[in-house]
N, C-alpha and C. Protein backbone atom coordinates (compact mmCIF):
# COMPACT_ATOMS: atom_id res chain seq x y z
N MET A 1 19.57 188.04 57.87
CA MET A 1 18.61 188.16 58.95
C MET A 1 17.98 186.81 59.23
N TYR A 2 17.77 186.51 60.48
CA TYR A 2 17.14 185.24 60.87
C TYR A 2 15.63 185.30 60.66
N ASN A 3 15.08 184.22 60.15
CA ASN A 3 13.63 184.19 60.06
C ASN A 3 13.07 183.52 61.32
N SER A 4 11.78 183.53 61.50
CA SER A 4 11.17 183.03 62.73
C SER A 4 11.37 181.52 62.89
N ARG A 5 11.45 180.78 61.79
CA ARG A 5 11.67 179.33 61.89
C ARG A 5 13.04 179.03 62.47
N CYS A 6 14.06 179.73 62.01
CA CYS A 6 15.41 179.52 62.55
C CYS A 6 15.49 179.93 64.01
N LEU A 7 14.83 180.99 64.35
CA LEU A 7 14.82 181.45 65.73
C LEU A 7 14.16 180.42 66.64
N LEU A 8 13.04 179.86 66.19
CA LEU A 8 12.34 178.85 66.98
C LEU A 8 13.18 177.60 67.14
N ILE A 9 13.82 177.14 66.07
CA ILE A 9 14.68 175.96 66.15
C ILE A 9 15.85 176.21 67.10
N GLY A 10 16.45 177.38 67.02
CA GLY A 10 17.54 177.72 67.92
C GLY A 10 17.10 177.74 69.38
N LEU A 11 15.92 178.26 69.63
CA LEU A 11 15.39 178.30 71.00
C LEU A 11 15.14 176.90 71.52
N LEU A 12 14.55 176.04 70.68
CA LEU A 12 14.29 174.66 71.10
C LEU A 12 15.58 173.91 71.37
N LEU A 13 16.61 174.11 70.54
CA LEU A 13 17.89 173.46 70.77
C LEU A 13 18.52 173.96 72.06
N PHE A 14 18.41 175.24 72.34
CA PHE A 14 18.96 175.79 73.59
C PHE A 14 18.27 175.16 74.80
N ILE A 15 16.94 175.05 74.75
CA ILE A 15 16.20 174.46 75.86
C ILE A 15 16.59 173.01 76.03
N PHE A 16 16.69 172.26 74.93
CA PHE A 16 17.07 170.86 75.00
C PHE A 16 18.46 170.71 75.60
N CYS A 17 19.40 171.51 75.17
CA CYS A 17 20.77 171.41 75.66
C CYS A 17 20.88 171.84 77.12
N SER A 18 19.99 172.70 77.58
CA SER A 18 20.02 173.15 78.97
C SER A 18 19.61 172.05 79.94
N TYR A 19 18.87 171.06 79.45
CA TYR A 19 18.40 169.99 80.31
C TYR A 19 19.28 168.75 80.27
N GLU A 20 20.45 168.84 79.64
CA GLU A 20 21.34 167.70 79.61
C GLU A 20 21.79 167.36 81.03
N GLU A 21 22.02 166.08 81.26
CA GLU A 21 22.42 165.62 82.58
C GLU A 21 23.84 166.08 82.90
N LYS A 22 24.02 166.55 84.12
CA LYS A 22 25.33 167.01 84.57
C LYS A 22 26.22 165.79 84.85
N ILE A 23 27.46 165.85 84.39
CA ILE A 23 28.40 164.77 84.62
C ILE A 23 29.23 165.10 85.86
N CYS A 24 29.28 164.16 86.81
CA CYS A 24 30.06 164.34 88.03
C CYS A 24 31.07 163.23 88.17
N ALA A 25 32.23 163.57 88.68
CA ALA A 25 33.27 162.58 88.95
C ALA A 25 33.72 162.79 90.39
N CYS A 26 33.39 161.83 91.25
CA CYS A 26 33.74 161.91 92.67
C CYS A 26 34.65 160.76 93.05
N THR A 27 35.47 161.00 94.08
CA THR A 27 36.30 159.93 94.61
C THR A 27 35.43 158.99 95.43
N LYS A 28 35.99 157.85 95.81
CA LYS A 28 35.23 156.88 96.60
C LYS A 28 35.52 157.00 98.10
N GLU A 29 36.15 158.11 98.50
CA GLU A 29 36.46 158.27 99.93
C GLU A 29 35.15 158.27 100.74
N TYR A 30 35.23 157.72 101.93
CA TYR A 30 34.05 157.64 102.79
C TYR A 30 34.16 158.67 103.90
N MET A 31 33.45 159.77 103.73
CA MET A 31 33.32 160.82 104.74
C MET A 31 31.86 161.22 104.71
N PRO A 32 30.99 160.48 105.43
CA PRO A 32 29.54 160.64 105.28
C PRO A 32 29.02 162.03 105.59
N VAL A 33 28.03 162.42 104.78
CA VAL A 33 27.34 163.70 104.95
C VAL A 33 25.84 163.45 104.81
N ILE A 34 25.05 164.42 105.27
CA ILE A 34 23.60 164.34 105.11
C ILE A 34 23.14 165.60 104.39
N ALA A 35 22.25 165.39 103.42
CA ALA A 35 21.65 166.51 102.70
C ALA A 35 20.21 166.12 102.37
N GLY A 36 19.30 166.98 102.74
CA GLY A 36 17.89 166.71 102.46
C GLY A 36 17.37 165.46 103.13
N GLY A 37 17.93 165.10 104.27
CA GLY A 37 17.50 163.91 104.99
C GLY A 37 18.05 162.61 104.43
N GLU A 38 18.93 162.71 103.44
CA GLU A 38 19.52 161.53 102.81
C GLU A 38 21.01 161.49 103.09
N GLN A 39 21.55 160.31 103.35
CA GLN A 39 22.98 160.19 103.62
C GLN A 39 23.74 159.89 102.33
N PHE A 40 24.88 160.57 102.17
CA PHE A 40 25.77 160.35 101.03
C PHE A 40 27.14 159.96 101.56
N ASN A 41 27.89 159.21 100.78
CA ASN A 41 29.21 158.75 101.22
C ASN A 41 30.24 159.86 101.34
N ASN A 42 30.04 160.96 100.59
CA ASN A 42 30.96 162.10 100.71
C ASN A 42 30.31 163.37 100.18
N PHE A 43 30.97 164.47 100.40
CA PHE A 43 30.47 165.81 100.05
C PHE A 43 30.23 165.93 98.55
N CYS A 44 31.14 165.39 97.76
CA CYS A 44 31.04 165.48 96.31
C CYS A 44 29.76 164.82 95.79
N LEU A 45 29.44 163.65 96.30
CA LEU A 45 28.23 162.95 95.86
C LEU A 45 26.97 163.75 96.21
N ALA A 46 26.98 164.42 97.34
CA ALA A 46 25.82 165.24 97.73
C ALA A 46 25.67 166.44 96.79
N THR A 47 26.77 167.08 96.44
CA THR A 47 26.67 168.22 95.52
C THR A 47 26.26 167.76 94.13
N CYS A 48 26.71 166.59 93.71
CA CYS A 48 26.31 166.06 92.41
C CYS A 48 24.83 165.69 92.38
N ALA A 49 24.27 165.40 93.55
CA ALA A 49 22.84 165.10 93.63
C ALA A 49 22.00 166.37 93.58
N GLY A 50 22.68 167.53 93.56
CA GLY A 50 21.97 168.80 93.39
C GLY A 50 21.84 169.64 94.64
N TYR A 51 22.47 169.23 95.73
CA TYR A 51 22.40 170.00 96.97
C TYR A 51 23.48 171.09 96.99
N ASP A 52 23.13 172.26 97.51
CA ASP A 52 24.09 173.35 97.67
C ASP A 52 24.94 173.08 98.90
N GLU A 53 26.11 173.72 98.94
CA GLU A 53 27.03 173.52 100.06
C GLU A 53 26.39 173.82 101.41
N ASP A 54 25.52 174.83 101.48
CA ASP A 54 24.91 175.20 102.75
C ASP A 54 23.80 174.24 103.17
N GLU A 55 23.43 173.28 102.32
CA GLU A 55 22.40 172.29 102.66
C GLU A 55 23.02 170.97 103.14
N ILE A 56 24.35 170.88 103.13
CA ILE A 56 25.04 169.62 103.43
C ILE A 56 25.63 169.69 104.83
N ILE A 57 25.33 168.66 105.62
CA ILE A 57 25.84 168.56 106.99
C ILE A 57 26.93 167.49 107.00
N ILE A 58 28.13 167.88 107.45
CA ILE A 58 29.26 166.95 107.50
C ILE A 58 29.34 166.34 108.89
N PHE A 59 29.47 165.00 108.94
CA PHE A 59 29.62 164.32 110.22
C PHE A 59 31.02 164.57 110.76
N ASN A 60 31.12 164.90 112.02
CA ASN A 60 32.44 165.04 112.68
C ASN A 60 32.58 163.90 113.67
N ASN A 61 33.59 163.05 113.45
CA ASN A 61 33.81 161.91 114.37
C ASN A 61 34.70 162.30 115.51
């Protein structure tokens, strides 16, 4: 059976691990988009910045 100390340590580790930085790998293609009033070089960079797909506006040339 788990004691309260182990449970607390497990909870703290879970919280710490939940806040780890997300790793993103995007290509360097230039297809500009706007999200949150900020311009990004491509869709992938905007999603890595934390914007949802429905918040991203793609420029059509």
